[in-house]
Amino acid sequence: MATKPKVPKKVKKAGEEEVTSRLRIRVRAYESKILDLSVKQIIDTALRYDAKVQGPIPLPTDIKKYTVNRAAFVYKNAREQFEMRIHKRLIDILNPDAKVIEALTNMSLPSGVNIDVKLI
């Protein structure tokens, strides 16, 4: 009869905090420069209120490609290709308090930046 191997218990080391809640912010934009400025603004706001921040973590860029005929009836083989790139970043704020959440909701970001916030 086979026995299960013993799994060591997780030991909390000195100086480590247990993460009870996490604010996960996912930021998306078409332009990477505007996205990076927005992420920097979010991180600076969180650090101003002494929150622990993990990130920004770059996520894979979504590329949407579209192929269009150049002419309607003539030259059917002549085509143009267009693409849209969607850049994404992920930020985790560990153990956020009410001040951090209020500061993040009142923050104004440039247009074209999409933000998804989840409390985990």
PDB file of N, CA and C in Angstrom:
ATOM      1  N   MET A   1       0.833  -1.174   0.000  1.00  0.00           N
ATOM      2  CA  MET A   1       0.000   0.000   0.000  1.00  0.00           C
ATOM      3  C   MET A   1       0.883   1.244   0.000  1.00  0.00           C
ATOM      4  N   ALA A   2       0.653   2.139  -0.936  1.00  0.00           N
ATOM      5  CA  ALA A   2       1.482   3.332  -1.071  1.00  0.00           C
ATOM      6  C   ALA A   2       1.057   4.388  -0.060  1.00  0.00           C
ATOM      7  N   THR A   3       2.044   5.069   0.466  1.00  0.00           N
ATOM      8  CA  THR A   3       1.754   6.155   1.404  1.00  0.00           C
ATOM      9  C   THR A   3       1.972   7.479   0.710  1.00  0.00           C
ATOM     10  N   LYS A   4       1.215   8.453   1.142  1.00  0.00           N
ATOM     11  CA  LYS A   4       1.349   9.784   0.557  1.00  0.00           C
ATOM     12  C   LYS A   4       2.589  10.467   1.120  1.00  0.00           C
ATOM     13  N   PRO A   5       3.334  11.180   0.269  1.00  0.00           N
ATOM     14  CA  PRO A   5       4.491  11.896   0.786  1.00  0.00           C
ATOM     15  C   PRO A   5       4.042  13.056   1.670  1.00  0.00           C
ATOM     16  N   LYS A   6       4.829  13.347   2.691  1.00  0.00           N
ATOM     17  CA  LYS A   6       4.491  14.437   3.595  1.00  0.00           C
ATOM     18  C   LYS A   6       4.825  15.765   2.940  1.00  0.00           C
ATOM     19  N   VAL A   7       3.857  16.658   2.977  1.00  0.00           N
ATOM     20  CA  VAL A   7       4.042  17.993   2.413  1.00  0.00           C
ATOM     21  C   VAL A   7       4.354  18.933   3.567  1.00  0.00           C
ATOM     22  N   PRO A   8       5.469  19.660   3.486  1.00  0.00           N
ATOM     23  CA  PRO A   8       5.793  20.563   4.589  1.00  0.00           C
ATOM     24  C   PRO A   8       4.790  21.713   4.657  1.00  0.00           C
ATOM     25  N   LYS A   9       4.458  22.100   5.886  1.00  0.00           N
ATOM     26  CA  LYS A   9       3.532  23.218   6.080  1.00  0.00           C
ATOM     27  C   LYS A   9       4.247  24.520   5.791  1.00  0.00           C
ATOM     28  N   LYS A  10       3.473  25.504   5.326  1.00  0.00           N
ATOM     29  CA  LYS A  10       4.056  26.812   5.049  1.00  0.00           C
ATOM     30  C   LYS A  10       4.322  27.526   6.368  1.00  0.00           C
ATOM     31  N   VAL A  11       5.551  27.918   6.553  1.00  0.00           N
ATOM     32  CA  VAL A  11       5.950  28.596   7.778  1.00  0.00           C
ATOM     33  C   VAL A  11       6.098  30.074   7.470  1.00  0.00           C
ATOM     34  N   LYS A  12       5.463  30.891   8.274  1.00  0.00           N
ATOM     35  CA  LYS A  12       5.541  32.342   8.095  1.00  0.00           C
ATOM     36  C   LYS A  12       6.847  32.834   8.697  1.00  0.00           C
ATOM     37  N   LYS A  13       7.681  33.429   7.863  1.00  0.00           N
ATOM     38  CA  LYS A  13       8.974  33.918   8.327  1.00  0.00           C
ATOM     39  C   LYS A  13       8.803  35.287   8.977  1.00  0.00           C
ATOM     40  N   ALA A  14       9.810  35.691   9.716  1.00  0.00           N
ATOM     41  CA  ALA A  14       9.759  36.985  10.394  1.00  0.00           C
ATOM     42  C   ALA A  14       9.791  38.110   9.364  1.00  0.00           C
ATOM     43  N   GLY A  15       8.924  39.089   9.531  1.00  0.00           N
ATOM     44  CA  GLY A  15       8.895  40.241   8.624  1.00  0.00           C
ATOM     45  C   GLY A  15       7.935  40.089   7.471  1.00  0.00           C
ATOM     46  N   GLU A  16       7.369  38.917   7.264  1.00  0.00           N
ATOM     47  CA  GLU A  16       6.418  38.718   6.178  1.00  0.00           C
ATOM     48  C   GLU A  16       5.002  38.942   6.675  1.00  0.00           C
ATOM     49  N   GLU A  17       4.195  39.580   5.850  1.00  0.00           N
ATOM     50  CA  GLU A  17       2.795  39.796   6.183  1.00  0.00           C
ATOM     51  C   GLU A  17       1.944  38.827   5.383  1.00  0.00           C
ATOM     52  N   GLU A  18       0.882  38.379   5.978  1.00  0.00           N
ATOM     53  CA  GLU A  18      -0.043  37.512   5.273  1.00  0.00           C
ATOM     54  C   GLU A  18      -0.982  38.381   4.438  1.00  0.00           C
ATOM     55  N   VAL A  19      -1.100  38.069   3.176  1.00  0.00           N
ATOM     56  CA  VAL A  19      -1.934  38.859   2.275  1.00  0.00           C
ATOM     57  C   VAL A  19      -3.379  38.408   2.428  1.00  0.00           C
ATOM     58  N   THR A  20      -4.227  39.319   2.894  1.00  0.00           N
ATOM     59  CA  THR A  20      -5.631  38.966   3.065  1.00  0.00           C
ATOM     60  C   THR A  20      -6.459  39.436   1.888  1.00  0.00           C
ATOM     61  N   SER A  21      -6.172  40.599   1.380  1.00  0.00           N
ATOM     62  CA  SER A  21      -6.914  41.091   0.216  1.00  0.00           C
ATOM     63  C   SER A  21      -5.933  41.701  -0.773  1.00  0.00           C
ATOM     64  N   ARG A  22      -6.387  41.761  -2.011  1.00  0.00           N
ATOM     65  CA  ARG A  22      -5.522  42.250  -3.078  1.00  0.00           C
ATOM     66  C   ARG A  22      -6.385  43.009  -4.078  1.00  0.00           C
ATOM     67  N   LEU A  23      -5.909  44.166  -4.488  1.00  0.00           N
ATOM     68  CA  LEU A  23      -6.586  44.959  -5.497  1.00  0.00           C
ATOM     69  C   LEU A  23      -5.841  44.740  -6.808  1.00  0.00           C
ATOM     70  N   ARG A  24      -6.477  44.075  -7.763  1.00  0.00           N
ATOM     71  CA  ARG A  24      -5.837  43.756  -9.034  1.00  0.00           C
ATOM     72  C   ARG A  24      -6.327  44.744 -10.086  1.00  0.00           C
ATOM     73  N   ILE A  25      -5.397  45.511 -10.644  1.00  0.00           N
ATOM     74  CA  ILE A  25      -5.716  46.532 -11.638  1.00  0.00           C
ATOM     75  C   ILE A  25      -5.123  46.100 -12.964  1.00  0.00           C
ATOM     76  N   ARG A  26      -5.987  46.012 -13.980  1.00  0.00           N
ATOM     77  CA  ARG A  26      -5.554  45.652 -15.323  1.00  0.00           C
ATOM     78  C   ARG A  26      -5.780  46.860 -16.218  1.00  0.00           C
ATOM     79  N   VAL A  27      -4.706  47.365 -16.806  1.00  0.00           N
ATOM     80  CA  VAL A  27      -4.745  48.594 -17.593  1.00  0.00           C
ATOM     81  C   VAL A  27      -4.456  48.237 -19.045  1.00  0.00           C
ATOM     82  N   ARG A  28      -5.304  48.765 -19.961  1.00  0.00           N
ATOM     83  CA  ARG A  28      -5.131  48.491 -21.390  1.00  0.00           C
ATOM     84  C   ARG A  28      -5.209  49.799 -22.172  1.00  0.00           C
ATOM     85  N   ALA A  29      -4.412  49.884 -23.247  1.00  0.00           N
ATOM     86  CA  ALA A  29      -4.428  51.070 -24.108  1.00  0.00           C
ATOM     87  C   ALA A  29      -3.839  50.714 -25.467  1.00  0.00           C
ATOM     88  N   TYR A  30      -4.131  51.562 -26.445  1.00  0.00           N
ATOM     89  CA  TYR A  30      -3.597  51.359 -27.789  1.00  0.00           C
ATOM     90  C   TYR A  30      -2.164  51.868 -27.910  1.00  0.00           C
ATOM     91  N   GLU A  31      -1.811  52.905 -27.155  1.00  0.00           N
ATOM     92  CA  GLU A  31      -0.465  53.473 -27.223  1.00  0.00           C
ATOM     93  C   GLU A  31       0.307  53.112 -25.963  1.00  0.00           C
ATOM     94  N   SER A  32       1.510  52.587 -26.146  1.00  0.00           N
ATOM     95  CA  SER A  32       2.273  52.096 -24.999  1.00  0.00           C
ATOM     96  C   SER A  32       2.815  53.239 -24.139  1.00  0.00           C
ATOM     97  N   LYS A  33       3.123  54.393 -24.730  1.00  0.00           N
ATOM     98  CA  LYS A  33       3.666  55.511 -23.950  1.00  0.00           C
ATOM     99  C   LYS A  33       2.611  56.072 -22.986  1.00  0.00           C
ATOM    100  N   ILE A  34       1.391  56.231 -23.474  1.00  0.00           N
ATOM    101  CA  ILE A  34       0.310  56.722 -22.621  1.00  0.00           C
ATOM    102  C   ILE A  34       0.014  55.696 -21.530  1.00  0.00           C
ATOM    103  N   LEU A  35       0.087  54.428 -21.878  1.00  0.00           N
ATOM    104  CA  LEU A  35      -0.149  53.361 -20.908  1.00  0.00           C
ATOM    105  C   LEU A  35       0.891  53.391 -19.796  1.00  0.00           C
ATOM    106  N   ASP A  36       2.164  53.554 -20.159  1.00  0.00           N
ATOM    107  CA  ASP A  36       3.222  53.582 -19.155  1.00  0.00           C
ATOM    108  C   ASP A  36       3.098  54.792 -18.227  1.00  0.00           C
ATOM    109  N   LEU A  37       2.685  55.945 -18.776  1.00  0.00           N
ATOM    110  CA  LEU A  37       2.481  57.125 -17.939  1.00  0.00           C
ATOM    111  C   LEU A  37       1.320  56.916 -16.970  1.00  0.00           C
ATOM    112  N   SER A  38       0.260  56.271 -17.433  1.00  0.00           N
ATOM    113  CA  SER A  38      -0.890  55.996 -16.572  1.00  0.00           C
ATOM    114  C   SER A  38      -0.530  55.025 -15.459  1.00  0.00           C
ATOM    115  N   VAL A  39       0.236  53.988 -15.794  1.00  0.00           N
ATOM    116  CA  VAL A  39       0.665  53.003 -14.799  1.00  0.00           C
ATOM    117  C   VAL A  39       1.548  53.664 -13.749  1.00  0.00           C
ATOM    118  N   LYS A  40       2.443  54.541 -14.193  1.00  0.00           N
ATOM    119  CA  LYS A  40       3.319  55.254 -13.260  1.00  0.00           C
ATOM    120  C   LYS A  40       2.497  56.131 -12.323  1.00  0.00           C
ATOM    121  N   GLN A  41       1.472  56.778 -12.846  1.00  0.00           N
ATOM    122  CA  GLN A  41       0.597  57.617 -12.032  1.00  0.00           C
ATOM    123  C   GLN A  41      -0.164  56.781 -10.996  1.00  0.00           C
ATOM    124  N   ILE A  42      -0.631  55.604 -11.382  1.00  0.00           N
ATOM    125  CA  ILE A  42      -1.336  54.712 -10.451  1.00  0.00           C
ATOM    126  C   ILE A  42      -0.398  54.241  -9.349  1.00  0.00           C
ATOM    127  N   ILE A  43       0.818  53.845  -9.706  1.00  0.00           N
ATOM    128  CA  ILE A  43       1.776  53.354  -8.721  1.00  0.00           C
ATOM    129  C   ILE A  43       2.190  54.467  -7.764  1.00  0.00           C
ATOM    130  N   ASP A  44       2.418  55.678  -8.285  1.00  0.00           N
ATOM    131  CA  ASP A  44       2.786  56.800  -7.423  1.00  0.00           C
ATOM    132  C   ASP A  44       1.670  57.125  -6.432  1.00  0.00           C
ATOM    133  N   THR A  45       0.433  57.047  -6.881  1.00  0.00           N
ATOM    134  CA  THR A  45      -0.703  57.305  -5.992  1.00  0.00           C
ATOM    135  C   THR A  45      -0.779  56.248  -4.901  1.00  0.00           C
ATOM    136  N   ALA A  46      -0.572  54.983  -5.245  1.00  0.00           N
ATOM    137  CA  ALA A  46      -0.619  53.919  -4.249  1.00  0.00           C
ATOM    138  C   ALA A  46       0.533  54.027  -3.257  1.00  0.00           C
ATOM    139  N   LEU A  47       1.722  54.368  -3.725  1.00  0.00           N
ATOM    140  CA  LEU A  47       2.872  54.483  -2.840  1.00  0.00           C
ATOM    141  C   LEU A  47       2.773  55.703  -1.926  1.00  0.00           C
ATOM    142  N   ARG A  48       2.051  56.708  -2.353  1.00  0.00           N
ATOM    143  CA  ARG A  48       1.857  57.898  -1.522  1.00  0.00           C
ATOM    144  C   ARG A  48       1.118  57.551  -0.230  1.00  0.00           C
ATOM    145  N   TYR A  49       0.250  56.527  -0.288  1.00  0.00           N
ATOM    146  CA  TYR A  49      -0.501  56.104   0.885  1.00  0.00           C
ATOM    147  C   TYR A  49       0.103  54.846   1.527  1.00  0.00           C
ATOM    148  N   ASP A  50       1.378  54.588   1.284  1.00  0.00           N
ATOM    149  CA  ASP A  50       2.137  53.487   1.884  1.00  0.00           C
ATOM    150  C   ASP A  50       1.518  52.117   1.619  1.00  0.00           C
ATOM    151  N   ALA A  51       1.061  51.878   0.419  1.00  0.00           N
ATOM    152  CA  ALA A  51       0.529  50.570   0.030  1.00  0.00           C
ATOM    153  C   ALA A  51       1.640  49.790  -0.664  1.00  0.00           C
ATOM    154  N   LYS A  52       1.628  48.483  -0.494  1.00  0.00           N
ATOM    155  CA  LYS A  52       2.612  47.640  -1.179  1.00  0.00           C
ATOM    156  C   LYS A  52       2.109  47.358  -2.583  1.00  0.00           C
ATOM    157  N   VAL A  53       2.985  47.541  -3.554  1.00  0.00           N
ATOM    158  CA  VAL A  53       2.617  47.405  -4.963  1.00  0.00           C
ATOM    159  C   VAL A  53       3.474  46.326  -5.606  1.00  0.00           C
ATOM    160  N   GLN A  54       2.842  45.450  -6.362  1.00  0.00           N
ATOM    161  CA  GLN A  54       3.553  44.474  -7.192  1.00  0.00           C
ATOM    162  C   GLN A  54       3.280  44.832  -8.643  1.00  0.00           C
ATOM    163  N   GLY A  55       4.322  45.040  -9.403  1.00  0.00           N
ATOM    164  CA  GLY A  55       4.128  45.328 -10.810  1.00  0.00           C
ATOM    165  C   GLY A  55       4.766  46.641 -11.188  1.00  0.00           C
ATOM    166  N   PRO A  56       4.553  47.115 -12.358  1.00  0.00           N
ATOM    167  CA  PRO A  56       3.647  46.644 -13.405  1.00  0.00           C
ATOM    168  C   PRO A  56       4.193  45.410 -14.115  1.00  0.00           C
ATOM    169  N   ILE A  57       3.309  44.484 -14.370  1.00  0.00           N
ATOM    170  CA  ILE A  57       3.650  43.260 -15.068  1.00  0.00           C
ATOM    171  C   ILE A  57       3.140  43.386 -16.499  1.00  0.00           C
ATOM    172  N   PRO A  58       4.026  43.388 -17.491  1.00  0.00           N
ATOM    173  CA  PRO A  58       3.542  43.488 -18.880  1.00  0.00           C
ATOM    174  C   PRO A  58       2.902  42.181 -19.319  1.00  0.00           C
ATOM    175  N   LEU A  59       1.699  42.282 -19.843  1.00  0.00           N
ATOM    176  CA  LEU A  59       0.991  41.129 -20.389  1.00  0.00           C
ATOM    177  C   LEU A  59       1.171  41.106 -21.903  1.00  0.00           C
ATOM    178  N   PRO A  60       0.930  39.985 -22.559  1.00  0.00           N
ATOM    179  CA  PRO A  60       1.116  39.913 -24.016  1.00  0.00           C
ATOM    180  C   PRO A  60       0.230  40.914 -24.749  1.00  0.00           C
ATOM    181  N   THR A  61       0.781  41.491 -25.799  1.00  0.00           N
ATOM    182  CA  THR A  61       0.068  42.477 -26.603  1.00  0.00           C
ATOM    183  C   THR A  61      -0.890  41.765 -27.555  1.00  0.00           C
ATOM    184  N   ASP A  62      -2.150  42.196 -27.544  1.00  0.00           N
ATOM    185  CA  ASP A  62      -3.129  41.660 -28.492  1.00  0.00           C
ATOM    186  C   ASP A  62      -2.969  42.391 -29.816  1.00  0.00           C
ATOM    187  N   ILE A  63      -2.890  41.637 -30.899  1.00  0.00           N
ATOM    188  CA  ILE A  63      -2.771  42.227 -32.234  1.00  0.00           C
ATOM    189  C   ILE A  63      -3.970  41.772 -33.051  1.00  0.00           C
ATOM    190  N   LYS A  64      -4.770  42.743 -33.471  1.00  0.00           N
ATOM    191  CA  LYS A  64      -5.919  42.442 -34.325  1.00  0.00           C
ATOM    192  C   LYS A  64      -5.585  42.917 -35.729  1.00  0.00           C
ATOM    193  N   LYS A  65      -5.587  41.970 -36.690  1.00  0.00           N
ATOM    194  CA  LYS A  65      -5.241  42.296 -38.070  1.00  0.00           C
ATOM    195  C   LYS A  65      -6.481  42.250 -38.935  1.00  0.00           C
ATOM    196  N   TYR A  66      -6.591  43.220 -39.840  1.00  0.00           N
ATOM    197  CA  TYR A  66      -7.708  43.299 -40.768  1.00  0.00           C
ATOM    198  C   TYR A  66      -7.156  43.398 -42.181  1.00  0.00           C
ATOM    199  N   THR A  67      -7.695  42.587 -43.095  1.00  0.00           N
ATOM    200  CA  THR A  67      -7.295  42.615 -44.500  1.00  0.00           C
ATOM    201  C   THR A  67      -8.459  43.147 -45.318  1.00  0.00           C
ATOM    202  N   VAL A  68      -8.164  44.129 -46.179  1.00  0.00           N
ATOM    203  CA  VAL A  68      -9.209  44.812 -46.950  1.00  0.00           C
ATOM    204  C   VAL A  68      -8.790  44.839 -48.414  1.00  0.00           C
ATOM    205  N   ASN A  69      -9.767  44.605 -49.312  1.00  0.00           N
ATOM    206  CA  ASN A  69      -9.484  44.748 -50.746  1.00  0.00           C
ATOM    207  C   ASN A  69      -9.263  46.222 -51.072  1.00  0.00           C
ATOM    208  N   ARG A  70      -8.301  46.499 -51.971  1.00  0.00           N
ATOM    209  CA  ARG A  70      -8.044  47.891 -52.351  1.00  0.00           C
ATOM    210  C   ARG A  70      -9.115  48.427 -53.277  1.00  0.00           C
ATOM    211  N   ALA A  71      -9.596  47.592 -54.177  1.00  0.00           N
ATOM    212  CA  ALA A  71     -10.608  48.021 -55.135  1.00  0.00           C
ATOM    213  C   ALA A  71     -11.820  47.103 -55.005  1.00  0.00           C
ATOM    214  N   ALA A  72     -12.968  47.623 -55.416  1.00  0.00           N
ATOM    215  CA  ALA A  72     -14.204  46.854 -55.263  1.00  0.00           C
ATOM    216  C   ALA A  72     -14.340  45.768 -56.334  1.00  0.00           C
ATOM    217  N   PHE A  73     -14.063  46.098 -57.610  1.00  0.00           N
ATOM    218  CA  PHE A  73     -14.314  45.143 -58.686  1.00  0.00           C
ATOM    219  C   PHE A  73     -13.039  44.725 -59.409  1.00  0.00           C
ATOM    220  N   VAL A  74     -12.137  45.645 -59.617  1.00  0.00           N
ATOM    221  CA  VAL A  74     -10.926  45.370 -60.377  1.00  0.00           C
ATOM    222  C   VAL A  74      -9.782  45.105 -59.394  1.00  0.00           C
ATOM    223  N   TYR A  75      -8.787  44.375 -59.831  1.00  0.00           N
ATOM    224  CA  TYR A  75      -7.592  44.092 -59.036  1.00  0.00           C
ATOM    225  C   TYR A  75      -7.961  43.420 -57.711  1.00  0.00           C
ATOM    226  N   LYS A  76      -8.563  42.253 -57.809  1.00  0.00           N
ATOM    227  CA  LYS A  76      -9.010  41.538 -56.617  1.00  0.00           C
ATOM    228  C   LYS A  76      -7.838  41.071 -55.747  1.00  0.00           C
ATOM    229  N   ASN A  77      -6.664  40.919 -56.340  1.00  0.00           N
ATOM    230  CA  ASN A  77      -5.528  40.419 -55.570  1.00  0.00           C
ATOM    231  C   ASN A  77      -4.793  41.526 -54.811  1.00  0.00           C
ATOM    232  N   ALA A  78      -5.141  42.780 -55.081  1.00  0.00           N
ATOM    233  CA  ALA A  78      -4.488  43.888 -54.385  1.00  0.00           C
ATOM    234  C   ALA A  78      -5.209  44.118 -53.055  1.00  0.00           C
ATOM    235  N   ARG A  79      -4.492  43.941 -51.967  1.00  0.00           N
ATOM    236  CA  ARG A  79      -5.109  44.065 -50.638  1.00  0.00           C
ATOM    237  C   ARG A  79      -4.232  44.906 -49.724  1.00  0.00           C
ATOM    238  N   GLU A  80      -4.865  45.465 -48.726  1.00  0.00           N
ATOM    239  CA  GLU A  80      -4.160  46.213 -47.694  1.00  0.00           C
ATOM    240  C   GLU A  80      -4.399  45.528 -46.355  1.00  0.00           C
ATOM    241  N   GLN A  81      -3.397  45.599 -45.478  1.00  0.00           N
ATOM    242  CA  GLN A  81      -3.556  45.032 -44.140  1.00  0.00           C
ATOM    243  C   GLN A  81      -3.374  46.127 -43.094  1.00  0.00           C
ATOM    244  N   PHE A  82      -4.279  46.131 -42.126  1.00  0.00           N
ATOM    245  CA  PHE A  82      -4.219  47.063 -41.017  1.00  0.00           C
ATOM    246  C   PHE A  82      -4.182  46.260 -39.726  1.00  0.00           C
ATOM    247  N   GLU A  83      -3.588  46.844 -38.687  1.00  0.00           N
ATOM    248  CA  GLU A  83      -3.550  46.154 -37.409  1.00  0.00           C
ATOM    249  C   GLU A  83      -3.738  47.132 -36.261  1.00  0.00           C
ATOM    250  N   MET A  84      -4.335  46.609 -35.194  1.00  0.00           N
ATOM    251  CA  MET A  84      -4.478  47.368 -33.960  1.00  0.00           C
ATOM    252  C   MET A  84      -3.746  46.592 -32.869  1.00  0.00           C
ATOM    253  N   ARG A  85      -2.910  47.285 -32.128  1.00  0.00           N
ATOM    254  CA  ARG A  85      -2.182  46.655 -31.026  1.00  0.00           C
ATOM    255  C   ARG A  85      -2.760  47.162 -29.706  1.00  0.00           C
ATOM    256  N   ILE A  86      -3.080  46.219 -28.818  1.00  0.00           N
ATOM    257  CA  ILE A  86      -3.610  46.569 -27.512  1.00  0.00           C
ATOM    258  C   ILE A  86      -2.573  46.140 -26.473  1.00  0.00           C
ATOM    259  N   HIS A  87      -1.951  47.138 -25.834  1.00  0.00           N
ATOM    260  CA  HIS A  87      -0.928  46.887 -24.826  1.00  0.00           C
ATOM    261  C   HIS A  87      -1.603  46.755 -23.467  1.00  0.00           C
ATOM    262  N   LYS A  88      -1.091  45.840 -22.622  1.00  0.00           N
ATOM    263  CA  LYS A  88      -1.714  45.574 -21.326  1.00  0.00           C
ATOM    264  C   LYS A  88      -0.664  45.518 -20.231  1.00  0.00           C
ATOM    265  N   ARG A  89      -1.059  45.983 -19.039  1.00  0.00           N
ATOM    266  CA  ARG A  89      -0.216  45.898 -17.849  1.00  0.00           C
ATOM    267  C   ARG A  89      -1.083  45.451 -16.678  1.00  0.00           C
ATOM    268  N   LEU A  90      -0.456  44.796 -15.707  1.00  0.00           N
ATOM    269  CA  LEU A  90      -1.144  44.295 -14.528  1.00  0.00           C
ATOM    270  C   LEU A  90      -0.447  44.839 -13.285  1.00  0.00           C
ATOM    271  N   ILE A  91      -1.236  45.381 -12.342  1.00  0.00           N
ATOM    272  CA  ILE A  91      -0.711  45.933 -11.096  1.00  0.00           C
ATOM    273  C   ILE A  91      -1.483  45.301  -9.945  1.00  0.00           C
ATOM    274  N   ASP A  92      -0.766  44.829  -8.924  1.00  0.00           N
ATOM    275  CA  ASP A  92      -1.398  44.302  -7.720  1.00  0.00           C
ATOM    276  C   ASP A  92      -1.053  45.221  -6.555  1.00  0.00           C
ATOM    277  N   ILE A  93      -2.079  45.621  -5.795  1.00  0.00           N
ATOM    278  CA  ILE A  93      -1.884  46.402  -4.582  1.00  0.00           C
ATOM    279  C   ILE A  93      -2.294  45.507  -3.421  1.00  0.00           C
ATOM    280  N   LEU A  94      -1.346  45.214  -2.534  1.00  0.00           N
ATOM    281  CA  LEU A  94      -1.578  44.284  -1.442  1.00  0.00           C
ATOM    282  C   LEU A  94      -2.162  45.009  -0.233  1.00  0.00           C
ATOM    283  N   ASN A  95      -3.178  44.413   0.366  1.00  0.00           N
ATOM    284  CA  ASN A  95      -3.849  44.940   1.552  1.00  0.00           C
ATOM    285  C   ASN A  95      -4.218  46.416   1.425  1.00  0.00           C
ATOM    286  N   PRO A  96      -5.043  46.779   0.431  1.00  0.00           N
ATOM    287  CA  PRO A  96      -5.394  48.195   0.281  1.00  0.00           C
ATOM    288  C   PRO A  96      -6.352  48.644   1.382  1.00  0.00           C
ATOM    289  N   ASP A  97      -6.185  49.887   1.824  1.00  0.00           N
ATOM    290  CA  ASP A  97      -7.131  50.439   2.780  1.00  0.00           C
ATOM    291  C   ASP A  97      -8.060  51.414   2.052  1.00  0.00           C
ATOM    292  N   ALA A  98      -8.963  52.024   2.793  1.00  0.00           N
ATOM    293  CA  ALA A  98      -9.988  52.878   2.180  1.00  0.00           C
ATOM    294  C   ALA A  98      -9.387  54.109   1.519  1.00  0.00           C
ATOM    295  N   LYS A  99      -8.303  54.653   2.080  1.00  0.00           N
ATOM    296  CA  LYS A  99      -7.683  55.858   1.514  1.00  0.00           C
ATOM    297  C   LYS A  99      -7.108  55.580   0.130  1.00  0.00           C
ATOM    298  N   VAL A 100      -6.482  54.421  -0.030  1.00  0.00           N
ATOM    299  CA  VAL A 100      -5.884  54.060  -1.319  1.00  0.00           C
ATOM    300  C   VAL A 100      -6.972  53.882  -2.376  1.00  0.00           C
ATOM    301  N   ILE A 101      -8.038  53.190  -2.016  1.00  0.00           N
ATOM    302  CA  ILE A 101      -9.120  52.938  -2.966  1.00  0.00           C
ATOM    303  C   ILE A 101      -9.788  54.245  -3.370  1.00  0.00           C
ATOM    304  N   GLU A 102      -9.990  55.143  -2.412  1.00  0.00           N
ATOM    305  CA  GLU A 102     -10.611  56.437  -2.717  1.00  0.00           C
ATOM    306  C   GLU A 102      -9.717  57.277  -3.617  1.00  0.00           C
ATOM    307  N   ALA A 103      -8.417  57.280  -3.352  1.00  0.00           N
ATOM    308  CA  ALA A 103      -7.485  58.047  -4.179  1.00  0.00           C
ATOM    309  C   ALA A 103      -7.432  57.507  -5.600  1.00  0.00           C
ATOM    310  N   LEU A 104      -7.513  56.177  -5.760  1.00  0.00           N
ATOM    311  CA  LEU A 104      -7.470  55.587  -7.099  1.00  0.00           C
ATOM    312  C   LEU A 104      -8.752  55.863  -7.880  1.00  0.00           C
ATOM    313  N   THR A 105      -9.894  55.911  -7.190  1.00  0.00           N
ATOM    314  CA  THR A 105     -11.151  56.181  -7.902  1.00  0.00           C
ATOM    315  C   THR A 105     -11.265  57.635  -8.308  1.00  0.00           C
ATOM    316  N   ASN A 106     -10.653  58.549  -7.555  1.00  0.00           N
ATOM    317  CA  ASN A 106     -10.740  59.973  -7.881  1.00  0.00           C
ATOM    318  C   ASN A 106      -9.667  60.419  -8.869  1.00  0.00           C
ATOM    319  N   MET A 107      -8.790  59.527  -9.266  1.00  0.00           N
ATOM    320  CA  MET A 107      -7.691  59.867 -10.162  1.00  0.00           C
ATOM    321  C   MET A 107      -8.192  60.009 -11.601  1.00  0.00           C
ATOM    322  N   SER A 108      -7.703  61.017 -12.298  1.00  0.00           N
ATOM    323  CA  SER A 108      -8.081  61.194 -13.708  1.00  0.00           C
ATOM    324  C   SER A 108      -6.937  60.724 -14.594  1.00  0.00           C
ATOM    325  N   LEU A 109      -7.273  59.872 -15.551  1.00  0.00           N
ATOM    326  CA  LEU A 109      -6.282  59.310 -16.467  1.00  0.00           C
ATOM    327  C   LEU A 109      -6.593  59.774 -17.882  1.00  0.00           C
ATOM    328  N   PRO A 110      -5.620  59.730 -18.787  1.00  0.00           N
ATOM    329  CA  PRO A 110      -5.860  60.171 -20.161  1.00  0.00           C
ATOM    330  C   PRO A 110      -6.897  59.307 -20.874  1.00  0.00           C
ATOM    331  N   SER A 111      -7.517  59.886 -21.887  1.00  0.00           N
ATOM    332  CA  SER A 111      -8.503  59.128 -22.656  1.00  0.00           C
ATOM    333  C   SER A 111      -7.788  58.045 -23.457  1.00  0.00           C
ATOM    334  N   GLY A 112      -8.484  56.962 -23.692  1.00  0.00           N
ATOM    335  CA  GLY A 112      -7.902  55.849 -24.420  1.00  0.00           C
ATOM    336  C   GLY A 112      -7.289  54.799 -23.512  1.00  0.00           C
ATOM    337  N   VAL A 113      -7.343  55.020 -22.196  1.00  0.00           N
ATOM    338  CA  VAL A 113      -6.818  54.061 -21.234  1.00  0.00           C
ATOM    339  C   VAL A 113      -7.999  53.378 -20.560  1.00  0.00           C
ATOM    340  N   ASN A 114      -8.053  52.063 -20.652  1.00  0.00           N
ATOM    341  CA  ASN A 114      -9.144  51.273 -20.076  1.00  0.00           C
ATOM    342  C   ASN A 114      -8.627  50.596 -18.809  1.00  0.00           C
ATOM    343  N   ILE A 115      -9.408  50.677 -17.725  1.00  0.00           N
ATOM    344  CA  ILE A 115      -8.983  50.127 -16.445  1.00  0.00           C
ATOM    345  C   ILE A 115     -10.025  49.140 -15.951  1.00  0.00           C
ATOM    346  N   ASP A 116      -9.570  47.953 -15.535  1.00  0.00           N
ATOM    347  CA  ASP A 116     -10.433  46.957 -14.883  1.00  0.00           C
ATOM    348  C   ASP A 116      -9.872  46.737 -13.486  1.00  0.00           C
ATOM    349  N   VAL A 117     -10.720  46.916 -12.463  1.00  0.00           N
ATOM    350  CA  VAL A 117     -10.285  46.771 -11.084  1.00  0.00           C
ATOM    351  C   VAL A 117     -11.080  45.631 -10.445  1.00  0.00           C
ATOM    352  N   LYS A 118     -10.360  44.711  -9.789  1.00  0.00           N
ATOM    353  CA  LYS A 118     -10.989  43.601  -9.082  1.00  0.00           C
ATOM    354  C   LYS A 118     -10.409  43.523  -7.685  1.00  0.00           C
ATOM    355  N   LEU A 119     -11.257  43.206  -6.719  1.00  0.00           N
ATOM    356  CA  LEU A 119     -10.812  42.980  -5.357  1.00  0.00           C
ATOM    357  C   LEU A 119     -10.792  41.474  -5.121  1.00  0.00           C
ATOM    358  N   ILE A 120      -9.610  40.933  -4.892  1.00  0.00           N
ATOM    359  CA  ILE A 120      -9.457  39.486  -4.740  1.00  0.00           C
ATOM    360  C   ILE A 120      -9.240  39.171  -3.271  1.00  0.00           C
TER     361      ILE A 120
END
